[in-house]
Amino acid sequence: MNKLLLTALALAPASFTPAADFASQVVPVLKQHCYKCHSEAEKKEKGKLVLDNLTRLGEKVGAGKIIVPGDADKSSFFTCLTSPADDTDHMPPEKMMPDKDIDVIKSWIAAGASFTKGGAAPAAATTTPAAPAAPAPAAADAPMATWTSADGRTIQAKKLRLEGDNVVLQRADGVIFNVPLSKLSPESQTAAKAP
């Protein structure tokens, strides 16, 4: 990896976390630690939570639900993993999940809790129905722009699309970010909402 790319990755603000891949990163963690109690395939639905049916899991994603896209600390799905092992809400109940697996879940939620590669938010994650989108320019035609996070950090990226409360951005190196609008400056929020 070249020094420029390493520097860019090191300087990328936390608000611009690359979209985590649900299928290749999150699902293996859920299978290992959660499916024995929360899986249709295992015929276990403790707490009415099923993690291997994306439609049902998607109903648990959104503002005020157990998975709050962009905010792991407000997501009870995440906080139960980090609560003390003797806490009655701690999951998995028999032991602490390894830090590396907790980090996968945290980064997935922080990046918008997307179920698809490239950052598409689950339909149930939107807090209000999305208005029909105007045709967007093809990603290749979208101009590079400066995007500013709420804490003042910037990146150069092009807007791929707006999905619910998230904007999907792509840097020149091809890295895709699923950024919650709440993590952007007011000016960048306006740019994200523009057709």
C-alpha atoms as a PDB file:
ATOM      1  CA  MET A   1       0.000   0.000   0.000  1.00  0.00           C
ATOM      2  CA  ASN A   2       1.436   3.370  -0.879  1.00  0.00           C
ATOM      3  CA  LYS A   3       2.199   6.065   1.704  1.00  0.00           C
ATOM      4  CA  LEU A   4      -0.400   8.470   0.305  1.00  0.00           C
ATOM      5  CA  LEU A   5      -3.197   5.921   0.738  1.00  0.00           C
ATOM      6  CA  LEU A   6      -2.027   5.017   4.245  1.00  0.00           C
ATOM      7  CA  THR A   7      -1.939   8.714   5.165  1.00  0.00           C
ATOM      8  CA  ALA A   8      -5.435   9.255   3.740  1.00  0.00           C
ATOM      9  CA  LEU A   9      -6.781   6.309   5.696  1.00  0.00           C
ATOM     10  CA  ALA A  10      -5.119   7.471   8.901  1.00  0.00           C
ATOM     11  CA  LEU A  11      -6.499  10.996   8.515  1.00  0.00           C
ATOM     12  CA  ALA A  12     -10.043   9.971   7.549  1.00  0.00           C
ATOM     13  CA  PRO A  13     -12.355  11.187  10.291  1.00  0.00           C
ATOM     14  CA  ALA A  14     -14.375   8.755  12.366  1.00  0.00           C
ATOM     15  CA  SER A  15     -17.529  10.204  10.787  1.00  0.00           C
ATOM     16  CA  PHE A  16     -16.309   8.898   7.432  1.00  0.00           C
ATOM     17  CA  THR A  17     -15.966   5.257   8.429  1.00  0.00           C
ATOM     18  CA  PRO A  18     -15.857   2.928   5.403  1.00  0.00           C
ATOM     19  CA  ALA A  19     -19.090   1.003   5.043  1.00  0.00           C
ATOM     20  CA  ALA A  20     -18.720  -2.363   6.779  1.00  0.00           C
ATOM     21  CA  ASP A  21     -19.698  -5.436   4.791  1.00  0.00           C
ATOM     22  CA  PHE A  22     -22.540  -7.220   6.544  1.00  0.00           C
ATOM     23  CA  ALA A  23     -22.184 -10.549   4.699  1.00  0.00           C
ATOM     24  CA  SER A  24     -18.423 -11.032   5.033  1.00  0.00           C
ATOM     25  CA  GLN A  25     -17.729  -9.324   8.366  1.00  0.00           C
ATOM     26  CA  VAL A  26     -20.860  -9.169  10.512  1.00  0.00           C
ATOM     27  CA  VAL A  27     -22.639 -12.435   9.647  1.00  0.00           C
ATOM     28  CA  PRO A  28     -19.685 -14.656  10.718  1.00  0.00           C
ATOM     29  CA  VAL A  29     -19.643 -12.916  14.126  1.00  0.00           C
ATOM     30  CA  LEU A  30     -23.405 -13.339  14.518  1.00  0.00           C
ATOM     31  CA  LYS A  31     -23.219 -17.002  13.475  1.00  0.00           C
ATOM     32  CA  GLN A  32     -20.474 -17.737  15.983  1.00  0.00           C
ATOM     33  CA  HIS A  33     -21.932 -15.896  18.959  1.00  0.00           C
ATOM     34  CA  CYS A  34     -25.656 -15.279  18.443  1.00  0.00           C
ATOM     35  CA  TYR A  35     -27.417 -17.704  16.098  1.00  0.00           C
ATOM     36  CA  LYS A  36     -27.836 -20.482  18.656  1.00  0.00           C
ATOM     37  CA  CYS A  37     -30.423 -18.258  20.407  1.00  0.00           C
ATOM     38  CA  HIS A  38     -31.505 -15.838  17.641  1.00  0.00           C
ATOM     39  CA  SER A  39     -31.909 -17.782  14.391  1.00  0.00           C
ATOM     40  CA  GLU A  40     -34.816 -19.052  12.316  1.00  0.00           C
ATOM     41  CA  ALA A  41     -32.565 -21.842  11.026  1.00  0.00           C
ATOM     42  CA  GLU A  42     -31.885 -22.939  14.610  1.00  0.00           C
ATOM     43  CA  LYS A  43     -35.584 -22.473  15.477  1.00  0.00           C
ATOM     44  CA  LYS A  44     -34.625 -20.116  18.309  1.00  0.00           C
ATOM     45  CA  GLU A  45     -36.136 -16.646  18.611  1.00  0.00           C
ATOM     46  CA  LYS A  46     -35.271 -15.557  22.133  1.00  0.00           C
ATOM     47  CA  GLY A  47     -36.544 -12.078  22.843  1.00  0.00           C
ATOM     48  CA  LYS A  48     -38.310 -12.159  19.443  1.00  0.00           C
ATOM     49  CA  LEU A  49     -34.937 -11.336  17.865  1.00  0.00           C
ATOM     50  CA  VAL A  50     -33.931 -13.176  14.695  1.00  0.00           C
ATOM     51  CA  LEU A  51     -30.577 -12.344  13.117  1.00  0.00           C
ATOM     52  CA  ASP A  52     -30.613 -14.595  10.040  1.00  0.00           C
ATOM     53  CA  ASN A  53     -33.733 -13.104   8.424  1.00  0.00           C
ATOM     54  CA  LEU A  54     -32.791  -9.687   7.004  1.00  0.00           C
ATOM     55  CA  THR A  55     -36.394  -8.559   6.645  1.00  0.00           C
ATOM     56  CA  ARG A  56     -37.079  -9.181  10.316  1.00  0.00           C
ATOM     57  CA  LEU A  57     -33.703  -7.832  11.412  1.00  0.00           C
ATOM     58  CA  GLY A  58     -34.281  -4.733   9.263  1.00  0.00           C
ATOM     59  CA  GLU A  59     -37.383  -3.988  11.346  1.00  0.00           C
ATOM     60  CA  LYS A  60     -35.053  -3.576  14.336  1.00  0.00           C
ATOM     61  CA  VAL A  61     -32.894  -0.933  12.590  1.00  0.00           C
ATOM     62  CA  GLY A  62     -33.698   2.778  12.827  1.00  0.00           C
ATOM     63  CA  ALA A  63     -34.036   5.712  15.183  1.00  0.00           C
ATOM     64  CA  GLY A  64     -35.304   4.532  18.570  1.00  0.00           C
ATOM     65  CA  LYS A  65     -34.845   0.841  17.698  1.00  0.00           C
ATOM     66  CA  ILE A  66     -32.239  -1.651  18.947  1.00  0.00           C
ATOM     67  CA  ILE A  67     -29.830  -0.772  16.106  1.00  0.00           C
ATOM     68  CA  VAL A  68     -29.452   2.972  15.533  1.00  0.00           C
ATOM     69  CA  PRO A  69     -27.526   3.469  12.264  1.00  0.00           C
ATOM     70  CA  GLY A  70     -24.470   5.647  12.839  1.00  0.00           C
ATOM     71  CA  ASP A  71     -24.598   5.452  16.653  1.00  0.00           C
ATOM     72  CA  ALA A  72     -23.461   2.228  18.309  1.00  0.00           C
ATOM     73  CA  ASP A  73     -23.634   3.781  21.787  1.00  0.00           C
ATOM     74  CA  LYS A  74     -27.396   4.379  21.361  1.00  0.00           C
ATOM     75  CA  SER A  75     -27.912   0.845  20.011  1.00  0.00           C
ATOM     76  CA  SER A  76     -28.942  -1.640  22.703  1.00  0.00           C
ATOM     77  CA  PHE A  77     -27.877  -4.370  20.264  1.00  0.00           C
ATOM     78  CA  PHE A  78     -24.298  -3.100  20.723  1.00  0.00           C
ATOM     79  CA  THR A  79     -24.380  -1.964  24.358  1.00  0.00           C
ATOM     80  CA  CYS A  80     -25.513  -5.405  25.554  1.00  0.00           C
ATOM     81  CA  LEU A  81     -22.260  -6.797  24.102  1.00  0.00           C
ATOM     82  CA  THR A  82     -20.146  -4.400  26.160  1.00  0.00           C
ATOM     83  CA  SER A  83     -22.096  -4.457  29.426  1.00  0.00           C
ATOM     84  CA  PRO A  84     -20.510  -6.359  32.350  1.00  0.00           C
ATOM     85  CA  ALA A  85     -20.761 -10.151  31.980  1.00  0.00           C
ATOM     86  CA  ASP A  86     -22.827 -10.390  35.171  1.00  0.00           C
ATOM     87  CA  ASP A  87     -25.391  -7.844  33.882  1.00  0.00           C
ATOM     88  CA  THR A  88     -28.743  -9.495  33.105  1.00  0.00           C
ATOM     89  CA  ASP A  89     -28.823  -7.706  29.715  1.00  0.00           C
ATOM     90  CA  HIS A  90     -25.333  -8.878  28.684  1.00  0.00           C
ATOM     91  CA  MET A  91     -25.109 -10.885  25.448  1.00  0.00           C
ATOM     92  CA  PRO A  92     -24.046 -13.511  24.715  1.00  0.00           C
ATOM     93  CA  PRO A  93     -25.135 -14.635  28.188  1.00  0.00           C
ATOM     94  CA  GLU A  94     -22.440 -17.243  28.797  1.00  0.00           C
ATOM     95  CA  LYS A  95     -19.298 -15.183  28.089  1.00  0.00           C
ATOM     96  CA  MET A  96     -17.796 -11.974  26.779  1.00  0.00           C
ATOM     97  CA  MET A  97     -17.472 -11.701  23.014  1.00  0.00           C
ATOM     98  CA  PRO A  98     -13.856 -11.077  21.888  1.00  0.00           C
ATOM     99  CA  ASP A  99     -12.963  -7.400  21.400  1.00  0.00           C
ATOM    100  CA  LYS A 100     -12.246  -7.939  17.696  1.00  0.00           C
ATOM    101  CA  ASP A 101     -15.803  -9.225  17.177  1.00  0.00           C
ATOM    102  CA  ILE A 102     -17.302  -6.390  19.216  1.00  0.00           C
ATOM    103  CA  ASP A 103     -15.312  -3.965  17.054  1.00  0.00           C
ATOM    104  CA  VAL A 104     -16.838  -5.494  13.890  1.00  0.00           C
ATOM    105  CA  ILE A 105     -20.361  -4.926  15.224  1.00  0.00           C
ATOM    106  CA  LYS A 106     -19.495  -1.395  16.368  1.00  0.00           C
ATOM    107  CA  SER A 107     -17.946  -0.415  13.038  1.00  0.00           C
ATOM    108  CA  TRP A 108     -20.912  -1.871  11.116  1.00  0.00           C
ATOM    109  CA  ILE A 109     -23.390   0.164  13.153  1.00  0.00           C
ATOM    110  CA  ALA A 110     -21.197   3.302  13.007  1.00  0.00           C
ATOM    111  CA  ALA A 111     -21.043   2.992   9.209  1.00  0.00           C
ATOM    112  CA  GLY A 112     -24.839   2.964   8.962  1.00  0.00           C
ATOM    113  CA  ALA A 113     -25.833  -0.675   9.697  1.00  0.00           C
ATOM    114  CA  SER A 114     -26.059  -1.570   6.016  1.00  0.00           C
ATOM    115  CA  PHE A 115     -27.005  -5.083   4.917  1.00  0.00           C
ATOM    116  CA  THR A 116     -25.513  -4.757   1.445  1.00  0.00           C
ATOM    117  CA  LYS A 117     -22.050  -4.263   0.041  1.00  0.00           C
ATOM    118  CA  GLY A 118     -21.481  -0.625  -0.810  1.00  0.00           C
ATOM    119  CA  GLY A 119     -23.565   0.801   1.986  1.00  0.00           C
ATOM    120  CA  ALA A 120     -27.234   0.547   1.079  1.00  0.00           C
ATOM    121  CA  ALA A 121     -29.253   1.035   4.241  1.00  0.00           C
ATOM    122  CA  PRO A 122     -31.952  -1.512   5.041  1.00  0.00           C
ATOM    123  CA  ALA A 123     -35.409  -0.272   4.066  1.00  0.00           C
ATOM    124  CA  ALA A 124     -36.651  -0.496   7.653  1.00  0.00           C
ATOM    125  CA  ALA A 125     -33.806   1.736   8.845  1.00  0.00           C
ATOM    126  CA  THR A 126     -35.303   4.913   7.418  1.00  0.00           C
ATOM    127  CA  THR A 127     -37.250   6.927   9.962  1.00  0.00           C
ATOM    128  CA  THR A 128     -39.511   8.452   7.327  1.00  0.00           C
ATOM    129  CA  PRO A 129     -40.453   7.092   3.927  1.00  0.00           C
ATOM    130  CA  ALA A 130     -38.009   8.291   1.314  1.00  0.00           C
ATOM    131  CA  ALA A 131     -39.472  10.508  -1.372  1.00  0.00           C
ATOM    132  CA  PRO A 132     -39.104   9.185  -4.905  1.00  0.00           C
ATOM    133  CA  ALA A 133     -35.581  10.064  -5.955  1.00  0.00           C
ATOM    134  CA  ALA A 134     -34.892  12.141  -9.009  1.00  0.00           C
ATOM    135  CA  PRO A 135     -32.617  10.375 -11.457  1.00  0.00           C
ATOM    136  CA  ALA A 136     -29.082  10.840 -10.174  1.00  0.00           C
ATOM    137  CA  PRO A 137     -26.090  11.202 -12.441  1.00  0.00           C
ATOM    138  CA  ALA A 138     -24.164   8.000 -12.979  1.00  0.00           C
ATOM    139  CA  ALA A 139     -21.448   7.601 -10.343  1.00  0.00           C
ATOM    140  CA  ALA A 140     -18.797   8.191 -13.010  1.00  0.00           C
ATOM    141  CA  ASP A 141     -20.439  11.553 -13.832  1.00  0.00           C
ATOM    142  CA  ALA A 142     -20.781  12.766 -10.243  1.00  0.00           C
ATOM    143  CA  PRO A 143     -18.217  15.455  -9.419  1.00  0.00           C
ATOM    144  CA  MET A 144     -15.725  15.130  -6.592  1.00  0.00           C
ATOM    145  CA  ALA A 145     -16.624  17.478  -3.759  1.00  0.00           C
ATOM    146  CA  THR A 146     -15.427  18.392  -0.290  1.00  0.00           C
ATOM    147  CA  TRP A 147     -17.574  16.827   2.444  1.00  0.00           C
ATOM    148  CA  THR A 148     -17.288  18.161   5.976  1.00  0.00           C
ATOM    149  CA  SER A 149     -18.185  16.210   9.107  1.00  0.00           C
ATOM    150  CA  ALA A 150     -19.985  17.831  12.043  1.00  0.00           C
ATOM    151  CA  ASP A 151     -16.614  18.047  13.838  1.00  0.00           C
ATOM    152  CA  GLY A 152     -14.998  19.975  10.960  1.00  0.00           C
ATOM    153  CA  ARG A 153     -12.987  17.253   9.221  1.00  0.00           C
ATOM    154  CA  THR A 154     -13.121  16.946   5.441  1.00  0.00           C
ATOM    155  CA  ILE A 155     -12.705  14.391   2.681  1.00  0.00           C
ATOM    156  CA  GLN A 156     -12.882  14.571  -1.089  1.00  0.00           C
ATOM    157  CA  ALA A 157     -15.546  12.234  -2.446  1.00  0.00           C
ATOM    158  CA  LYS A 158     -18.397  12.037  -4.898  1.00  0.00           C
ATOM    159  CA  LYS A 159     -22.001  11.466  -3.918  1.00  0.00           C
ATOM    160  CA  LEU A 160     -23.310   8.133  -5.177  1.00  0.00           C
ATOM    161  CA  ARG A 161     -26.788   8.382  -3.712  1.00  0.00           C
ATOM    162  CA  LEU A 162     -28.928   9.409  -0.750  1.00  0.00           C
ATOM    163  CA  GLU A 163     -30.568   6.507   1.080  1.00  0.00           C
ATOM    164  CA  GLY A 164     -32.899   7.463   3.881  1.00  0.00           C
ATOM    165  CA  ASP A 165     -30.889   9.285   6.537  1.00  0.00           C
ATOM    166  CA  ASN A 166     -27.520   8.334   4.984  1.00  0.00           C
ATOM    167  CA  VAL A 167     -25.500   9.626   2.058  1.00  0.00           C
ATOM    168  CA  VAL A 168     -23.301   7.149   0.207  1.00  0.00           C
ATOM    169  CA  LEU A 169     -19.975   8.708  -0.835  1.00  0.00           C
ATOM    170  CA  GLN A 170     -17.048   7.342  -2.816  1.00  0.00           C
ATOM    171  CA  ARG A 171     -13.462   8.579  -2.595  1.00  0.00           C
ATOM    172  CA  ALA A 172     -11.243   8.682  -5.675  1.00  0.00           C
ATOM    173  CA  ASP A 173      -9.545   5.460  -4.500  1.00  0.00           C
ATOM    174  CA  GLY A 174     -12.901   3.651  -4.694  1.00  0.00           C
ATOM    175  CA  VAL A 175     -13.549   3.362  -0.938  1.00  0.00           C
ATOM    176  CA  ILE A 176     -17.287   3.767  -0.246  1.00  0.00           C
ATOM    177  CA  PHE A 177     -18.645   5.454   2.882  1.00  0.00           C
ATOM    178  CA  ASN A 178     -22.190   5.285   4.226  1.00  0.00           C
ATOM    179  CA  VAL A 179     -22.444   8.503   6.262  1.00  0.00           C
ATOM    180  CA  PRO A 180     -25.405   9.367   8.493  1.00  0.00           C
ATOM    181  CA  LEU A 181     -26.592  12.896   7.647  1.00  0.00           C
ATOM    182  CA  SER A 182     -26.459  13.754  11.350  1.00  0.00           C
ATOM    183  CA  LYS A 183     -22.659  13.297  11.232  1.00  0.00           C
ATOM    184  CA  LEU A 184     -22.255  15.971   8.512  1.00  0.00           C
ATOM    185  CA  SER A 185     -21.987  19.754   8.758  1.00  0.00           C
ATOM    186  CA  PRO A 186     -25.153  21.669   7.820  1.00  0.00           C
ATOM    187  CA  GLU A 187     -23.615  22.620   4.443  1.00  0.00           C
ATOM    188  CA  SER A 188     -22.730  19.015   3.640  1.00  0.00           C
ATOM    189  CA  GLN A 189     -26.202  17.882   4.740  1.00  0.00           C
ATOM    190  CA  THR A 190     -27.698  20.344   2.233  1.00  0.00           C
ATOM    191  CA  ALA A 191     -25.367  19.063  -0.504  1.00  0.00           C
ATOM    192  CA  ALA A 192     -26.279  15.472   0.329  1.00  0.00           C
ATOM    193  CA  LYS A 193     -30.000  16.213  -0.005  1.00  0.00           C
ATOM    194  CA  ALA A 194     -29.591  18.069  -3.305  1.00  0.00           C
ATOM    195  CA  PRO A 195     -30.584  16.127  -6.436  1.00  0.00           C
END
